C-alpha atoms as a PDB file:
ATOM      1  CA  MET A   1      67.017 174.116 132.097  1.00  0.00           C
ATOM      2  CA  ASP A   2      68.288 170.553 132.317  1.00  0.00           C
ATOM      3  CA  ALA A   3      68.589 168.225 129.323  1.00  0.00           C
ATOM      4  CA  LYS A   4      65.311 166.418 130.078  1.00  0.00           C
ATOM      5  CA  ALA A   5      63.386 169.699 130.297  1.00  0.00           C
ATOM      6  CA  GLU A   6      65.040 170.952 127.111  1.00  0.00           C
ATOM      7  CA  ALA A   7      64.020 167.808 125.234  1.00  0.00           C
ATOM      8  CA  LEU A   8      60.431 168.102 126.460  1.00  0.00           C
ATOM      9  CA  TYR A   9      60.394 171.809 125.640  1.00  0.00           C
ATOM     10  CA  SER A  10      61.580 171.099 122.099  1.00  0.00           C
ATOM     11  CA  GLU A  11      59.037 168.302 121.611  1.00  0.00           C
ATOM     12  CA  LEU A  12      56.176 170.477 122.900  1.00  0.00           C
ATOM     13  CA  ARG A  13      57.191 173.320 120.601  1.00  0.00           C
ATOM     14  CA  ASN A  14      57.042 170.920 117.637  1.00  0.00           C
ATOM     15  CA  ILE A  15      53.621 169.654 118.690  1.00  0.00           C
ATOM     16  CA  ARG A  16      52.444 173.243 119.149  1.00  0.00           C
ATOM     17  CA  GLN A  17      53.485 174.032 115.582  1.00  0.00           C
ATOM     18  CA  GLU A  18      51.660 170.967 114.251  1.00  0.00           C
ATOM     19  CA  LEU A  19      48.482 171.964 116.096  1.00  0.00           C
ATOM     20  CA  ILE A  20      48.684 175.519 114.786  1.00  0.00           C
ATOM     21  CA  GLU A  21      49.033 174.174 111.242  1.00  0.00           C
ATOM     22  CA  ARG A  22      45.993 171.954 111.739  1.00  0.00           C
ATOM     23  CA  LEU A  23      43.960 174.918 112.971  1.00  0.00           C
ATOM     24  CA  GLU A  24      45.013 176.954 109.943  1.00  0.00           C
ATOM     25  CA  ASN A  25      43.920 174.159 107.611  1.00  0.00           C
ATOM     26  CA  LYS A  26      40.616 175.260 106.151  1.00  0.00           C
ATOM     27  CA  ASN A  27      39.514 171.643 105.708  1.00  0.00           C
ATOM     28  CA  ALA A  28      39.851 170.833 109.427  1.00  0.00           C
ATOM     29  CA  SER A  29      36.737 169.414 111.034  1.00  0.00           C
ATOM     30  CA  SER A  30      34.718 171.928 113.029  1.00  0.00           C
ATOM     31  CA  LEU A  31      34.129 169.174 115.603  1.00  0.00           C
ATOM     32  CA  ILE A  32      37.851 168.681 116.176  1.00  0.00           C
ATOM     33  CA  ARG A  33      38.900 172.347 116.225  1.00  0.00           C
ATOM     34  CA  PRO A  34      37.820 172.972 119.866  1.00  0.00           C
ATOM     35  CA  ILE A  35      39.790 169.934 121.006  1.00  0.00           C
ATOM     36  CA  ILE A  36      42.874 171.127 119.135  1.00  0.00           C
ATOM     37  CA  LYS A  37      42.509 174.604 120.656  1.00  0.00           C
ATOM     38  CA  GLU A  38      42.258 173.136 124.156  1.00  0.00           C
ATOM     39  CA  GLU A  39      45.325 170.975 123.621  1.00  0.00           C
ATOM     40  CA  LEU A  40      47.201 173.953 122.190  1.00  0.00           C
ATOM     41  CA  SER A  41      46.323 175.985 125.290  1.00  0.00           C
ATOM     42  CA  ASP A  42      47.587 173.186 127.565  1.00  0.00           C
ATOM     43  CA  ILE A  43      50.844 173.023 125.627  1.00  0.00           C
ATOM     44  CA  GLU A  44      51.302 176.804 125.812  1.00  0.00           C
ATOM     45  CA  ASP A  45      50.752 176.659 129.581  1.00  0.00           C
ATOM     46  CA  THR A  46      53.282 173.849 129.917  1.00  0.00           C
ATOM     47  CA  LEU A  47      55.875 175.696 127.833  1.00  0.00           C
ATOM     48  CA  ASN A  48      55.430 178.761 130.062  1.00  0.00           C
ATOM     49  CA  LYS A  49      55.852 176.631 133.201  1.00  0.00           C
ATOM     50  CA  ILE A  50      59.081 175.164 131.844  1.00  0.00           C
ATOM     51  CA  GLU A  51      60.379 178.667 131.066  1.00  0.00           C
ATOM     52  CA  MET A  52      59.494 179.904 134.563  1.00  0.00           C
ATOM     53  CA  GLY A  53      60.878 176.820 136.328  1.00  0.00           C
ATOM     54  CA  LEU A  54      57.456 175.747 137.606  1.00  0.00           C
ATOM     55  CA  TYR A  55      57.038 172.620 135.527  1.00  0.00           C
ATOM     56  CA  GLY A  56      56.014 169.532 137.481  1.00  0.00           C
ATOM     57  CA  LYS A  57      54.386 171.399 140.362  1.00  0.00           C
ATOM     58  CA  CYS A  58      50.686 171.178 141.186  1.00  0.00           C
ATOM     59  CA  GLU A  59      48.928 174.451 140.313  1.00  0.00           C
ATOM     60  CA  ILE A  60      46.806 174.190 143.471  1.00  0.00           C
ATOM     61  CA  SER A  61      49.082 172.890 146.224  1.00  0.00           C
ATOM     62  CA  GLY A  62      52.571 173.396 144.818  1.00  0.00           C
ATOM     63  CA  GLU A  63      53.372 169.719 145.442  1.00  0.00           C
ATOM     64  CA  LEU A  64      55.527 167.880 142.943  1.00  0.00           C
ATOM     65  CA  ILE A  65      53.576 165.752 140.480  1.00  0.00           C
ATOM     66  CA  PRO A  66      55.037 162.231 140.189  1.00  0.00           C
ATOM     67  CA  GLU A  67      57.568 162.056 137.366  1.00  0.00           C
ATOM     68  CA  GLU A  68      55.973 158.893 135.936  1.00  0.00           C
ATOM     69  CA  LEU A  69      52.752 160.824 135.348  1.00  0.00           C
ATOM     70  CA  LEU A  70      54.567 163.773 133.831  1.00  0.00           C
ATOM     71  CA  GLU A  71      56.205 161.399 131.371  1.00  0.00           C
ATOM     72  CA  MET A  72      52.797 160.000 130.348  1.00  0.00           C
ATOM     73  CA  VAL A  73      50.906 163.317 130.392  1.00  0.00           C
ATOM     74  CA  PRO A  74      53.375 166.223 130.281  1.00  0.00           C
ATOM     75  CA  THR A  75      50.566 168.807 130.309  1.00  0.00           C
ATOM     76  CA  ILE A  76      49.006 167.601 133.590  1.00  0.00           C
ATOM     77  CA  LYS A  77      48.247 170.544 135.873  1.00  0.00           C
ATOM     78  CA  THR A  78      47.301 169.298 139.332  1.00  0.00           C
ATOM     79  CA  ILE A  79      47.552 166.380 141.723  1.00  0.00           C
ATOM     80  CA  ASP A  80      43.742 166.175 141.485  1.00  0.00           C
ATOM     81  CA  ASP A  81      44.102 165.474 137.760  1.00  0.00           C
ATOM     82  CA  CYS A  82      46.189 162.439 138.725  1.00  0.00           C
ATOM     83  CA  PHE A  83      43.332 161.041 140.783  1.00  0.00           C
ATOM     84  CA  LYS A  84      40.798 161.760 138.041  1.00  0.00           C
ATOM     85  CA  MET A  85      42.971 159.887 135.556  1.00  0.00           C
ATOM     86  CA  ASP A  86      43.054 156.878 137.859  1.00  0.00           C
ATOM     87  CA  GLY A  87      39.447 156.144 136.873  1.00  0.00           C
ATOM     88  CA  TYR A  88      40.500 155.680 133.261  1.00  0.00           C
ATOM     89  CA  PHE A  89      43.073 153.053 134.145  1.00  0.00           C
ATOM     90  CA  ARG A  90      40.822 150.759 136.156  1.00  0.00           C
ATOM     91  CA  LYS A  91      39.923 147.411 134.723  1.00  0.00           C
ATOM     92  CA  ALA A  92      36.241 146.702 134.214  1.00  0.00           C
ATOM     93  CA  LEU A  93      34.654 144.165 136.551  1.00  0.00           C
ATOM     94  CA  PHE A  94      32.796 142.520 133.694  1.00  0.00           C
ATOM     95  CA  ASP A  95      34.010 141.950 130.157  1.00  0.00           C
END
């Protein structure tokens, strides 16, 4: 594992721990819990990919996901997700 992957791995492990603590908090909102669980699952998947040397590859095609996107969204899974995200970054025609 290179230094960049190790740093990401360490950061994701810390985030995973924070999410677990939030889920264990009895006062956590029942509306937020499903979102936390989904994010936790994505982080677990990403940690496993890093361990297996598959991080950064599209789960469907095996293509490499652009590094710029991985830096913004380290848990991204497919190239298709990149195109779906593009819709969120478009500027509205009317203000």
